[in-house]
Amino acid sequence: MKKSIEIILMSSLVLFLAADSLAERRAAQPVEFKKIAGGLFEILGGQGARGGAYIGDNAVLIIDAKMSRKSVEEVIQGIRQMTDKPIQYLVNTHSDGDHVQGNRYFPKTVTFIAHENCRNDFFQPDRRGNPSQWNQPELSPFVPALTFRDKMDIYLGSKKVELWYFGVGHTTGDIVIYFPEEKTAFLGDQIFLTRPQLIHSHKGGNSFQHVKTLTRMLETLDAEKFCSGHSEMTDRSGIRKLIAQMKERQDKVKALLKKGKSPEEIKGGFEENEARLIETICNEIQEASR
């Protein structure tokens, strides 16, 4: 009996150390700049979501901020290895922590930009009701100071960057950063390719509006490449596929609700990793019918 307990304890320790080692390797993954075209790069690795960097004629624009001081230092170091132009702008695609926590580690000379709804989200309690740390006065220099409602153009010398708001989706404050010369758009968390779409209902996100927002984006922009916060780059067909998948889920949920199925029963008819999204769709349909 004692020997069996020892074996179990040793096995548990091995699994714990293996998991801990994996976490360390993931955390230690260095920041990497992946060139898209010209002065446009994806920023991979580090702690936090994927982002981007654009080296213009006279300045640098960063897309999203990682999470830790170390990761931000690696981002700045990577920029300095490519250019001595100042980092002038940092655009937050939305307010999730893995995209904005690192704002505080950039120089105070950087201008932080976001949609007006995104800035408002900075100050709201989290889904558990905890007060936002961004209400602390010492963090005010790192909250977006420049906001827009529908569209904003930024010029880095002759290089144009377009910021677009197409509507509610993942949250109410997600934007698209479009580089017309490179025909490349950064979407933050508006698309997930390796897992079901995440919709933050507590931030006003809505799956039905998300479909409309992505559709409106495709109708407006002639982008050929789409970068996201958590997936590899995709193309227009990849976006259309995501839209079709969301519509298919929504139609299936509508039909099952009409048959009198409960949300729990409905979730059982989908993959386990879809449960959160399916529950969101159920809630949206039920609220719309009240």
C-alpha atoms as a PDB file:
ATOM      1  CA  MET A   1       0.000   0.000   0.000  1.00  0.00           C
ATOM      2  CA  LYS A   2       2.832   2.337   1.001  1.00  0.00           C
ATOM      3  CA  LYS A   3       4.638   1.558  -2.245  1.00  0.00           C
ATOM      4  CA  SER A   4       1.490   2.349  -4.270  1.00  0.00           C
ATOM      5  CA  ILE A   5       1.125   5.699  -2.520  1.00  0.00           C
ATOM      6  CA  GLU A   6       4.784   6.496  -3.233  1.00  0.00           C
ATOM      7  CA  ILE A   7       4.302   5.669  -6.924  1.00  0.00           C
ATOM      8  CA  ILE A   8       1.212   7.888  -7.107  1.00  0.00           C
ATOM      9  CA  LEU A   9       3.035  10.754  -5.388  1.00  0.00           C
ATOM     10  CA  MET A  10       6.047  10.391  -7.689  1.00  0.00           C
ATOM     11  CA  SER A  11       3.784  10.296 -10.764  1.00  0.00           C
ATOM     12  CA  SER A  12       1.968  13.422  -9.572  1.00  0.00           C
ATOM     13  CA  LEU A  13       5.278  15.178  -8.997  1.00  0.00           C
ATOM     14  CA  VAL A  14       6.494  14.270 -12.477  1.00  0.00           C
ATOM     15  CA  LEU A  15       3.272  15.568 -14.046  1.00  0.00           C
ATOM     16  CA  PHE A  16       3.474  18.771 -11.981  1.00  0.00           C
ATOM     17  CA  LEU A  17       7.096  19.399 -12.964  1.00  0.00           C
ATOM     18  CA  ALA A  18       6.329  18.654 -16.624  1.00  0.00           C
ATOM     19  CA  ALA A  19       3.406  21.101 -16.598  1.00  0.00           C
ATOM     20  CA  ASP A  20       5.506  23.682 -14.774  1.00  0.00           C
ATOM     21  CA  SER A  21       8.329  23.239 -17.283  1.00  0.00           C
ATOM     22  CA  LEU A  22       5.890  23.637 -20.198  1.00  0.00           C
ATOM     23  CA  ALA A  23       4.516  26.826 -18.656  1.00  0.00           C
ATOM     24  CA  GLU A  24       8.043  28.173 -18.245  1.00  0.00           C
ATOM     25  CA  ARG A  25       8.919  27.376 -21.861  1.00  0.00           C
ATOM     26  CA  ARG A  26       5.786  29.138 -23.072  1.00  0.00           C
ATOM     27  CA  ALA A  27       6.448  32.141 -20.852  1.00  0.00           C
ATOM     28  CA  ALA A  28      10.069  32.255 -21.968  1.00  0.00           C
ATOM     29  CA  GLN A  29       9.235  32.228 -25.682  1.00  0.00           C
ATOM     30  CA  PRO A  30      11.019  35.312 -27.033  1.00  0.00           C
ATOM     31  CA  VAL A  31       9.320  38.078 -28.946  1.00  0.00           C
ATOM     32  CA  GLU A  32       9.708  37.627 -32.688  1.00  0.00           C
ATOM     33  CA  PHE A  33       9.069  40.008 -35.586  1.00  0.00           C
ATOM     34  CA  LYS A  34       7.631  38.311 -38.682  1.00  0.00           C
ATOM     35  CA  LYS A  35       7.796  40.484 -41.784  1.00  0.00           C
ATOM     36  CA  ILE A  36       4.624  40.794 -43.849  1.00  0.00           C
ATOM     37  CA  ALA A  37       5.707  43.394 -46.420  1.00  0.00           C
ATOM     38  CA  GLY A  38       7.694  46.622 -46.472  1.00  0.00           C
ATOM     39  CA  GLY A  39       7.817  48.016 -42.942  1.00  0.00           C
ATOM     40  CA  LEU A  40       4.890  45.935 -41.662  1.00  0.00           C
ATOM     41  CA  PHE A  41       5.481  43.111 -39.158  1.00  0.00           C
ATOM     42  CA  GLU A  42       3.547  40.721 -36.969  1.00  0.00           C
ATOM     43  CA  ILE A  43       4.822  40.612 -33.383  1.00  0.00           C
ATOM     44  CA  LEU A  44       4.762  37.030 -32.104  1.00  0.00           C
ATOM     45  CA  GLY A  45       5.839  35.375 -28.871  1.00  0.00           C
ATOM     46  CA  GLY A  46       6.294  36.987 -25.495  1.00  0.00           C
ATOM     47  CA  GLN A  47       3.501  37.141 -22.937  1.00  0.00           C
ATOM     48  CA  GLY A  48       0.223  38.327 -24.427  1.00  0.00           C
ATOM     49  CA  ALA A  49      -1.569  38.301 -27.739  1.00  0.00           C
ATOM     50  CA  ARG A  50      -0.067  38.630 -31.184  1.00  0.00           C
ATOM     51  CA  GLY A  51       0.382  42.215 -32.293  1.00  0.00           C
ATOM     52  CA  GLY A  52       2.009  44.230 -35.017  1.00  0.00           C
ATOM     53  CA  ALA A  53       4.486  46.976 -35.858  1.00  0.00           C
ATOM     54  CA  TYR A  54       4.662  49.414 -38.747  1.00  0.00           C
ATOM     55  CA  ILE A  55       7.806  51.376 -39.515  1.00  0.00           C
ATOM     56  CA  GLY A  56       6.767  54.480 -41.417  1.00  0.00           C
ATOM     57  CA  ASP A  57       8.810  57.280 -42.951  1.00  0.00           C
ATOM     58  CA  ASN A  58       9.302  59.160 -39.698  1.00  0.00           C
ATOM     59  CA  ALA A  59       7.887  57.060 -36.844  1.00  0.00           C
ATOM     60  CA  VAL A  60       6.731  53.619 -35.664  1.00  0.00           C
ATOM     61  CA  LEU A  61       3.203  52.452 -34.853  1.00  0.00           C
ATOM     62  CA  ILE A  62       2.625  49.442 -32.571  1.00  0.00           C
ATOM     63  CA  ILE A  63      -0.522  47.292 -32.525  1.00  0.00           C
ATOM     64  CA  ASP A  64      -1.390  45.980 -29.039  1.00  0.00           C
ATOM     65  CA  ALA A  65       0.943  45.896 -26.081  1.00  0.00           C
ATOM     66  CA  LYS A  66       1.669  42.375 -24.775  1.00  0.00           C
ATOM     67  CA  MET A  67       1.344  41.936 -20.983  1.00  0.00           C
ATOM     68  CA  SER A  68       4.676  41.999 -19.150  1.00  0.00           C
ATOM     69  CA  ARG A  69       7.557  44.430 -18.811  1.00  0.00           C
ATOM     70  CA  LYS A  70       9.952  41.823 -20.223  1.00  0.00           C
ATOM     71  CA  SER A  71       7.859  41.307 -23.351  1.00  0.00           C
ATOM     72  CA  VAL A  72       7.511  45.050 -23.936  1.00  0.00           C
ATOM     73  CA  GLU A  73      11.259  45.497 -23.491  1.00  0.00           C
ATOM     74  CA  GLU A  74      11.802  42.800 -26.123  1.00  0.00           C
ATOM     75  CA  VAL A  75       9.381  44.570 -28.469  1.00  0.00           C
ATOM     76  CA  ILE A  76      11.201  47.885 -28.045  1.00  0.00           C
ATOM     77  CA  GLN A  77      14.583  46.208 -28.436  1.00  0.00           C
ATOM     78  CA  GLY A  78      13.390  44.507 -31.633  1.00  0.00           C
ATOM     79  CA  ILE A  79      12.236  47.843 -33.041  1.00  0.00           C
ATOM     80  CA  ARG A  80      15.560  49.465 -32.142  1.00  0.00           C
ATOM     81  CA  GLN A  81      17.428  46.744 -34.039  1.00  0.00           C
ATOM     82  CA  MET A  82      15.508  47.728 -37.182  1.00  0.00           C
ATOM     83  CA  THR A  83      15.204  51.505 -36.881  1.00  0.00           C
ATOM     84  CA  ASP A  84      15.995  54.515 -34.693  1.00  0.00           C
ATOM     85  CA  LYS A  85      12.661  56.148 -35.558  1.00  0.00           C
ATOM     86  CA  PRO A  86      10.562  56.883 -32.455  1.00  0.00           C
ATOM     87  CA  ILE A  87       7.642  54.732 -31.366  1.00  0.00           C
ATOM     88  CA  GLN A  88       4.981  57.405 -31.724  1.00  0.00           C
ATOM     89  CA  TYR A  89       1.689  55.503 -31.599  1.00  0.00           C
ATOM     90  CA  LEU A  90       0.300  52.389 -29.924  1.00  0.00           C
ATOM     91  CA  VAL A  91      -3.145  51.259 -31.084  1.00  0.00           C
ATOM     92  CA  ASN A  92      -5.174  48.940 -28.854  1.00  0.00           C
ATOM     93  CA  THR A  93      -7.523  46.743 -30.900  1.00  0.00           C
ATOM     94  CA  HIS A  94      -9.754  46.289 -27.820  1.00  0.00           C
ATOM     95  CA  SER A  95      -9.527  46.255 -24.026  1.00  0.00           C
ATOM     96  CA  ASP A  96      -8.679  42.645 -23.098  1.00  0.00           C
ATOM     97  CA  GLY A  97      -5.731  42.341 -20.731  1.00  0.00           C
ATOM     98  CA  ASP A  98      -3.533  40.311 -23.070  1.00  0.00           C
ATOM     99  CA  HIS A  99      -3.696  43.240 -25.515  1.00  0.00           C
ATOM    100  CA  VAL A 100      -3.440  46.235 -23.161  1.00  0.00           C
ATOM    101  CA  GLN A 101      -1.637  45.277 -19.941  1.00  0.00           C
ATOM    102  CA  GLY A 102       1.706  46.178 -21.484  1.00  0.00           C
ATOM    103  CA  ASN A 103       0.669  49.764 -22.238  1.00  0.00           C
ATOM    104  CA  ARG A 104       2.154  50.825 -18.892  1.00  0.00           C
ATOM    105  CA  TYR A 105       5.627  49.640 -19.858  1.00  0.00           C
ATOM    106  CA  PHE A 106       5.932  51.804 -22.971  1.00  0.00           C
ATOM    107  CA  PRO A 107       7.428  55.306 -22.759  1.00  0.00           C
ATOM    108  CA  LYS A 108       5.032  58.073 -21.728  1.00  0.00           C
ATOM    109  CA  THR A 109       5.885  59.829 -24.990  1.00  0.00           C
ATOM    110  CA  VAL A 110       3.820  57.220 -26.881  1.00  0.00           C
ATOM    111  CA  THR A 111       0.294  58.259 -27.912  1.00  0.00           C
ATOM    112  CA  PHE A 112      -2.226  55.505 -27.099  1.00  0.00           C
ATOM    113  CA  ILE A 113      -5.185  55.192 -29.474  1.00  0.00           C
ATOM    114  CA  ALA A 114      -8.386  53.115 -29.371  1.00  0.00           C
ATOM    115  CA  HIS A 115     -12.075  53.223 -30.184  1.00  0.00           C
ATOM    116  CA  GLU A 116     -14.112  55.342 -27.761  1.00  0.00           C
ATOM    117  CA  ASN A 117     -15.925  52.220 -26.483  1.00  0.00           C
ATOM    118  CA  CYS A 118     -12.605  50.503 -25.853  1.00  0.00           C
ATOM    119  CA  ARG A 119     -11.356  53.430 -23.758  1.00  0.00           C
ATOM    120  CA  ASN A 120     -14.556  53.271 -21.716  1.00  0.00           C
ATOM    121  CA  ASP A 121     -13.996  49.541 -21.111  1.00  0.00           C
ATOM    122  CA  PHE A 122     -10.626  50.318 -19.512  1.00  0.00           C
ATOM    123  CA  PHE A 123     -12.432  51.802 -16.499  1.00  0.00           C
ATOM    124  CA  GLN A 124     -15.203  49.208 -16.061  1.00  0.00           C
ATOM    125  CA  PRO A 125     -15.215  46.422 -13.418  1.00  0.00           C
ATOM    126  CA  ASP A 126     -14.268  42.976 -14.669  1.00  0.00           C
ATOM    127  CA  ARG A 127     -16.807  40.172 -15.092  1.00  0.00           C
ATOM    128  CA  ARG A 128     -16.462  39.307 -11.375  1.00  0.00           C
ATOM    129  CA  GLY A 129     -17.177  42.887 -10.332  1.00  0.00           C
ATOM    130  CA  ASN A 130     -13.615  43.751  -9.336  1.00  0.00           C
ATOM    131  CA  PRO A 131     -12.726  47.437  -9.884  1.00  0.00           C
ATOM    132  CA  SER A 132     -10.457  48.248 -12.810  1.00  0.00           C
ATOM    133  CA  GLN A 133      -6.816  48.948 -12.058  1.00  0.00           C
ATOM    134  CA  TRP A 134      -6.884  51.528 -14.859  1.00  0.00           C
ATOM    135  CA  ASN A 135      -8.704  53.902 -12.517  1.00  0.00           C
ATOM    136  CA  GLN A 136      -5.434  54.328 -10.626  1.00  0.00           C
ATOM    137  CA  PRO A 137      -4.013  57.831 -11.334  1.00  0.00           C
ATOM    138  CA  GLU A 138      -0.497  56.531 -11.972  1.00  0.00           C
ATOM    139  CA  LEU A 139      -1.769  54.509 -14.947  1.00  0.00           C
ATOM    140  CA  SER A 140      -3.638  57.383 -16.613  1.00  0.00           C
ATOM    141  CA  PRO A 141      -0.761  58.190 -19.034  1.00  0.00           C
ATOM    142  CA  PHE A 142      -1.134  54.699 -20.514  1.00  0.00           C
ATOM    143  CA  VAL A 143      -4.886  54.755 -21.145  1.00  0.00           C
ATOM    144  CA  PRO A 144      -5.879  55.647 -24.729  1.00  0.00           C
ATOM    145  CA  ALA A 145      -5.846  59.457 -24.911  1.00  0.00           C
ATOM    146  CA  LEU A 146      -6.904  59.630 -28.544  1.00  0.00           C
ATOM    147  CA  THR A 147     -10.164  57.959 -29.597  1.00  0.00           C
ATOM    148  CA  PHE A 148     -12.457  57.853 -32.614  1.00  0.00           C
ATOM    149  CA  ARG A 149     -15.978  56.726 -33.485  1.00  0.00           C
ATOM    150  CA  ASP A 150     -16.078  55.470 -37.096  1.00  0.00           C
ATOM    151  CA  LYS A 151     -12.750  56.008 -38.860  1.00  0.00           C
ATOM    152  CA  MET A 152      -9.368  57.611 -38.294  1.00  0.00           C
ATOM    153  CA  ASP A 153      -6.391  58.011 -40.626  1.00  0.00           C
ATOM    154  CA  ILE A 154      -2.823  58.212 -39.362  1.00  0.00           C
ATOM    155  CA  TYR A 155       0.063  59.294 -41.569  1.00  0.00           C
ATOM    156  CA  LEU A 156       3.617  58.263 -40.814  1.00  0.00           C
ATOM    157  CA  GLY A 157       5.113  60.556 -43.400  1.00  0.00           C
ATOM    158  CA  SER A 158       3.757  59.278 -46.703  1.00  0.00           C
ATOM    159  CA  LYS A 159       2.602  55.971 -45.166  1.00  0.00           C
ATOM    160  CA  LYS A 160      -1.114  55.793 -44.405  1.00  0.00           C
ATOM    161  CA  VAL A 161      -2.720  53.692 -41.664  1.00  0.00           C
ATOM    162  CA  GLU A 162      -6.526  53.412 -41.487  1.00  0.00           C
ATOM    163  CA  LEU A 163      -8.382  52.688 -38.247  1.00  0.00           C
ATOM    164  CA  TRP A 164     -11.924  51.408 -38.822  1.00  0.00           C
ATOM    165  CA  TYR A 165     -14.853  50.631 -36.561  1.00  0.00           C
ATOM    166  CA  PHE A 166     -17.366  48.327 -38.248  1.00  0.00           C
ATOM    167  CA  GLY A 167     -19.555  47.611 -35.230  1.00  0.00           C
ATOM    168  CA  VAL A 168     -20.070  45.295 -32.276  1.00  0.00           C
ATOM    169  CA  GLY A 169     -18.432  41.873 -32.290  1.00  0.00           C
ATOM    170  CA  HIS A 170     -16.066  40.324 -29.753  1.00  0.00           C
ATOM    171  CA  THR A 171     -16.758  43.443 -27.627  1.00  0.00           C
ATOM    172  CA  THR A 172     -18.310  46.835 -28.436  1.00  0.00           C
ATOM    173  CA  GLY A 173     -14.888  48.419 -28.944  1.00  0.00           C
ATOM    174  CA  ASP A 174     -12.988  46.203 -31.424  1.00  0.00           C
ATOM    175  CA  ILE A 175     -11.347  47.963 -34.354  1.00  0.00           C
ATOM    176  CA  VAL A 176      -9.588  47.007 -37.568  1.00  0.00           C
ATOM    177  CA  ILE A 177      -6.187  48.498 -38.353  1.00  0.00           C
ATOM    178  CA  TYR A 178      -5.765  48.504 -42.127  1.00  0.00           C
ATOM    179  CA  PHE A 179      -2.595  49.071 -44.125  1.00  0.00           C
ATOM    180  CA  PRO A 180      -3.806  49.820 -47.679  1.00  0.00           C
ATOM    181  CA  GLU A 181      -0.371  49.716 -49.305  1.00  0.00           C
ATOM    182  CA  GLU A 182       0.205  46.204 -47.940  1.00  0.00           C
ATOM    183  CA  LYS A 183      -3.493  45.188 -48.212  1.00  0.00           C
ATOM    184  CA  THR A 184      -3.229  43.797 -44.683  1.00  0.00           C
ATOM    185  CA  ALA A 185      -5.655  44.194 -41.773  1.00  0.00           C
ATOM    186  CA  PHE A 186      -5.119  43.526 -38.065  1.00  0.00           C
ATOM    187  CA  LEU A 187      -8.322  42.359 -36.345  1.00  0.00           C
ATOM    188  CA  GLY A 188      -7.309  41.609 -32.751  1.00  0.00           C
ATOM    189  CA  ASP A 189      -9.797  39.090 -31.329  1.00  0.00           C
ATOM    190  CA  GLN A 190     -12.450  39.514 -34.009  1.00  0.00           C
ATOM    191  CA  ILE A 191     -11.332  36.183 -35.470  1.00  0.00           C
ATOM    192  CA  PHE A 192     -10.163  32.878 -33.974  1.00  0.00           C
ATOM    193  CA  LEU A 193      -9.083  30.126 -36.345  1.00  0.00           C
ATOM    194  CA  THR A 194      -8.065  27.303 -34.006  1.00  0.00           C
ATOM    195  CA  ARG A 195     -10.941  27.526 -31.512  1.00  0.00           C
ATOM    196  CA  PRO A 196     -14.550  28.765 -31.493  1.00  0.00           C
ATOM    197  CA  GLN A 197     -15.013  32.536 -31.587  1.00  0.00           C
ATOM    198  CA  LEU A 198     -14.883  34.272 -28.215  1.00  0.00           C
ATOM    199  CA  ILE A 199     -17.710  36.744 -27.564  1.00  0.00           C
ATOM    200  CA  HIS A 200     -17.443  38.897 -24.430  1.00  0.00           C
ATOM    201  CA  SER A 201     -21.077  39.449 -23.469  1.00  0.00           C
ATOM    202  CA  HIS A 202     -19.999  41.303 -20.313  1.00  0.00           C
ATOM    203  CA  LYS A 203     -18.366  43.878 -22.600  1.00  0.00           C
ATOM    204  CA  GLY A 204     -21.379  44.138 -24.893  1.00  0.00           C
ATOM    205  CA  GLY A 205     -20.157  41.619 -27.457  1.00  0.00           C
ATOM    206  CA  ASN A 206     -22.761  39.871 -29.607  1.00  0.00           C
ATOM    207  CA  SER A 207     -22.406  36.948 -32.022  1.00  0.00           C
ATOM    208  CA  PHE A 208     -25.146  38.139 -34.410  1.00  0.00           C
ATOM    209  CA  GLN A 209     -23.619  41.610 -34.609  1.00  0.00           C
ATOM    210  CA  HIS A 210     -20.229  39.964 -35.029  1.00  0.00           C
ATOM    211  CA  VAL A 211     -21.413  38.355 -38.282  1.00  0.00           C
ATOM    212  CA  LYS A 212     -22.654  41.723 -39.564  1.00  0.00           C
ATOM    213  CA  THR A 213     -19.430  43.448 -38.519  1.00  0.00           C
ATOM    214  CA  LEU A 214     -17.153  40.992 -40.332  1.00  0.00           C
ATOM    215  CA  THR A 215     -19.401  41.098 -43.403  1.00  0.00           C
ATOM    216  CA  ARG A 216     -19.288  44.899 -43.425  1.00  0.00           C
ATOM    217  CA  MET A 217     -15.508  44.778 -43.152  1.00  0.00           C
ATOM    218  CA  LEU A 218     -15.170  42.506 -46.201  1.00  0.00           C
ATOM    219  CA  GLU A 219     -17.525  44.757 -48.179  1.00  0.00           C
ATOM    220  CA  THR A 220     -15.536  47.881 -47.275  1.00  0.00           C
ATOM    221  CA  LEU A 221     -11.873  46.877 -47.378  1.00  0.00           C
ATOM    222  CA  ASP A 222      -9.917  45.316 -50.225  1.00  0.00           C
ATOM    223  CA  ALA A 223      -7.629  43.574 -47.730  1.00  0.00           C
ATOM    224  CA  GLU A 224      -6.076  40.286 -48.788  1.00  0.00           C
ATOM    225  CA  LYS A 225      -4.375  39.337 -45.499  1.00  0.00           C
ATOM    226  CA  PHE A 226      -5.910  39.304 -42.022  1.00  0.00           C
ATOM    227  CA  CYS A 227      -3.881  39.069 -38.809  1.00  0.00           C
ATOM    228  CA  SER A 228      -5.433  38.185 -35.462  1.00  0.00           C
ATOM    229  CA  GLY A 229      -4.451  38.139 -31.812  1.00  0.00           C
ATOM    230  CA  HIS A 230      -4.399  34.359 -31.448  1.00  0.00           C
ATOM    231  CA  SER A 231      -4.194  32.703 -34.873  1.00  0.00           C
ATOM    232  CA  GLU A 232      -2.066  32.522 -37.970  1.00  0.00           C
ATOM    233  CA  MET A 233      -2.722  34.951 -40.798  1.00  0.00           C
ATOM    234  CA  THR A 234      -5.709  34.160 -43.025  1.00  0.00           C
ATOM    235  CA  ASP A 235      -7.273  35.454 -46.239  1.00  0.00           C
ATOM    236  CA  ARG A 236     -10.753  36.549 -47.350  1.00  0.00           C
ATOM    237  CA  SER A 237     -11.927  32.974 -47.781  1.00  0.00           C
ATOM    238  CA  GLY A 238     -10.893  32.277 -44.192  1.00  0.00           C
ATOM    239  CA  ILE A 239     -13.061  35.157 -42.955  1.00  0.00           C
ATOM    240  CA  ARG A 240     -16.012  33.979 -45.054  1.00  0.00           C
ATOM    241  CA  LYS A 241     -15.619  30.495 -43.576  1.00  0.00           C
ATOM    242  CA  LEU A 242     -15.742  31.897 -40.033  1.00  0.00           C
ATOM    243  CA  ILE A 243     -18.888  33.871 -40.870  1.00  0.00           C
ATOM    244  CA  ALA A 244     -20.529  30.750 -42.341  1.00  0.00           C
ATOM    245  CA  GLN A 245     -19.607  28.663 -39.290  1.00  0.00           C
ATOM    246  CA  MET A 246     -21.103  31.229 -36.922  1.00  0.00           C
ATOM    247  CA  LYS A 247     -24.330  31.421 -38.949  1.00  0.00           C
ATOM    248  CA  GLU A 248     -24.567  27.624 -38.977  1.00  0.00           C
ATOM    249  CA  ARG A 249     -24.262  27.492 -35.177  1.00  0.00           C
ATOM    250  CA  GLN A 250     -26.829  30.257 -34.758  1.00  0.00           C
ATOM    251  CA  ASP A 251     -29.350  28.562 -37.068  1.00  0.00           C
ATOM    252  CA  LYS A 252     -28.923  25.240 -35.271  1.00  0.00           C
ATOM    253  CA  VAL A 253     -29.411  26.843 -31.855  1.00  0.00           C
ATOM    254  CA  LYS A 254     -32.525  28.715 -33.058  1.00  0.00           C
ATOM    255  CA  ALA A 255     -34.059  25.483 -34.347  1.00  0.00           C
ATOM    256  CA  LEU A 256     -33.341  23.603 -31.118  1.00  0.00           C
ATOM    257  CA  LEU A 257     -34.767  26.390 -28.958  1.00  0.00           C
ATOM    258  CA  LYS A 258     -37.958  26.320 -31.049  1.00  0.00           C
ATOM    259  CA  LYS A 259     -38.205  22.608 -30.299  1.00  0.00           C
ATOM    260  CA  GLY A 260     -38.182  23.436 -26.597  1.00  0.00           C
ATOM    261  CA  LYS A 261     -34.639  22.299 -25.866  1.00  0.00           C
ATOM    262  CA  SER A 262     -32.922  23.857 -22.860  1.00  0.00           C
ATOM    263  CA  PRO A 263     -29.536  25.609 -23.207  1.00  0.00           C
ATOM    264  CA  GLU A 264     -27.879  22.690 -21.389  1.00  0.00           C
ATOM    265  CA  GLU A 265     -29.434  20.186 -23.792  1.00  0.00           C
ATOM    266  CA  ILE A 266     -28.396  22.323 -26.750  1.00  0.00           C
ATOM    267  CA  LYS A 267     -24.785  22.570 -25.570  1.00  0.00           C
ATOM    268  CA  GLY A 268     -24.692  18.780 -25.445  1.00  0.00           C
ATOM    269  CA  GLY A 269     -25.171  18.677 -29.220  1.00  0.00           C
ATOM    270  CA  PHE A 270     -21.973  20.606 -29.885  1.00  0.00           C
ATOM    271  CA  GLU A 271     -18.273  20.033 -29.254  1.00  0.00           C
ATOM    272  CA  GLU A 272     -17.136  20.622 -25.679  1.00  0.00           C
ATOM    273  CA  ASN A 273     -14.983  23.612 -26.630  1.00  0.00           C
ATOM    274  CA  GLU A 274     -18.032  25.280 -28.237  1.00  0.00           C
ATOM    275  CA  ALA A 275     -20.058  25.323 -24.992  1.00  0.00           C
ATOM    276  CA  ARG A 276     -19.262  28.908 -24.047  1.00  0.00           C
ATOM    277  CA  LEU A 277     -20.138  30.275 -27.478  1.00  0.00           C
ATOM    278  CA  ILE A 278     -23.329  28.190 -27.709  1.00  0.00           C
ATOM    279  CA  GLU A 279     -24.467  29.438 -24.307  1.00  0.00           C
ATOM    280  CA  THR A 280     -23.852  33.002 -25.491  1.00  0.00           C
ATOM    281  CA  ILE A 281     -25.906  32.424 -28.659  1.00  0.00           C
ATOM    282  CA  CYS A 282     -28.732  30.889 -26.590  1.00  0.00           C
ATOM    283  CA  ASN A 283     -28.768  33.900 -24.275  1.00  0.00           C
ATOM    284  CA  GLU A 284     -28.789  36.334 -27.201  1.00  0.00           C
ATOM    285  CA  ILE A 285     -31.743  34.595 -28.895  1.00  0.00           C
ATOM    286  CA  GLN A 286     -33.728  34.348 -25.672  1.00  0.00           C
ATOM    287  CA  GLU A 287     -33.106  37.996 -24.774  1.00  0.00           C
ATOM    288  CA  ALA A 288     -34.117  39.136 -28.276  1.00  0.00           C
ATOM    289  CA  SER A 289     -37.427  37.255 -27.990  1.00  0.00           C
ATOM    290  CA  ARG A 290     -38.444  38.872 -24.687  1.00  0.00           C
END
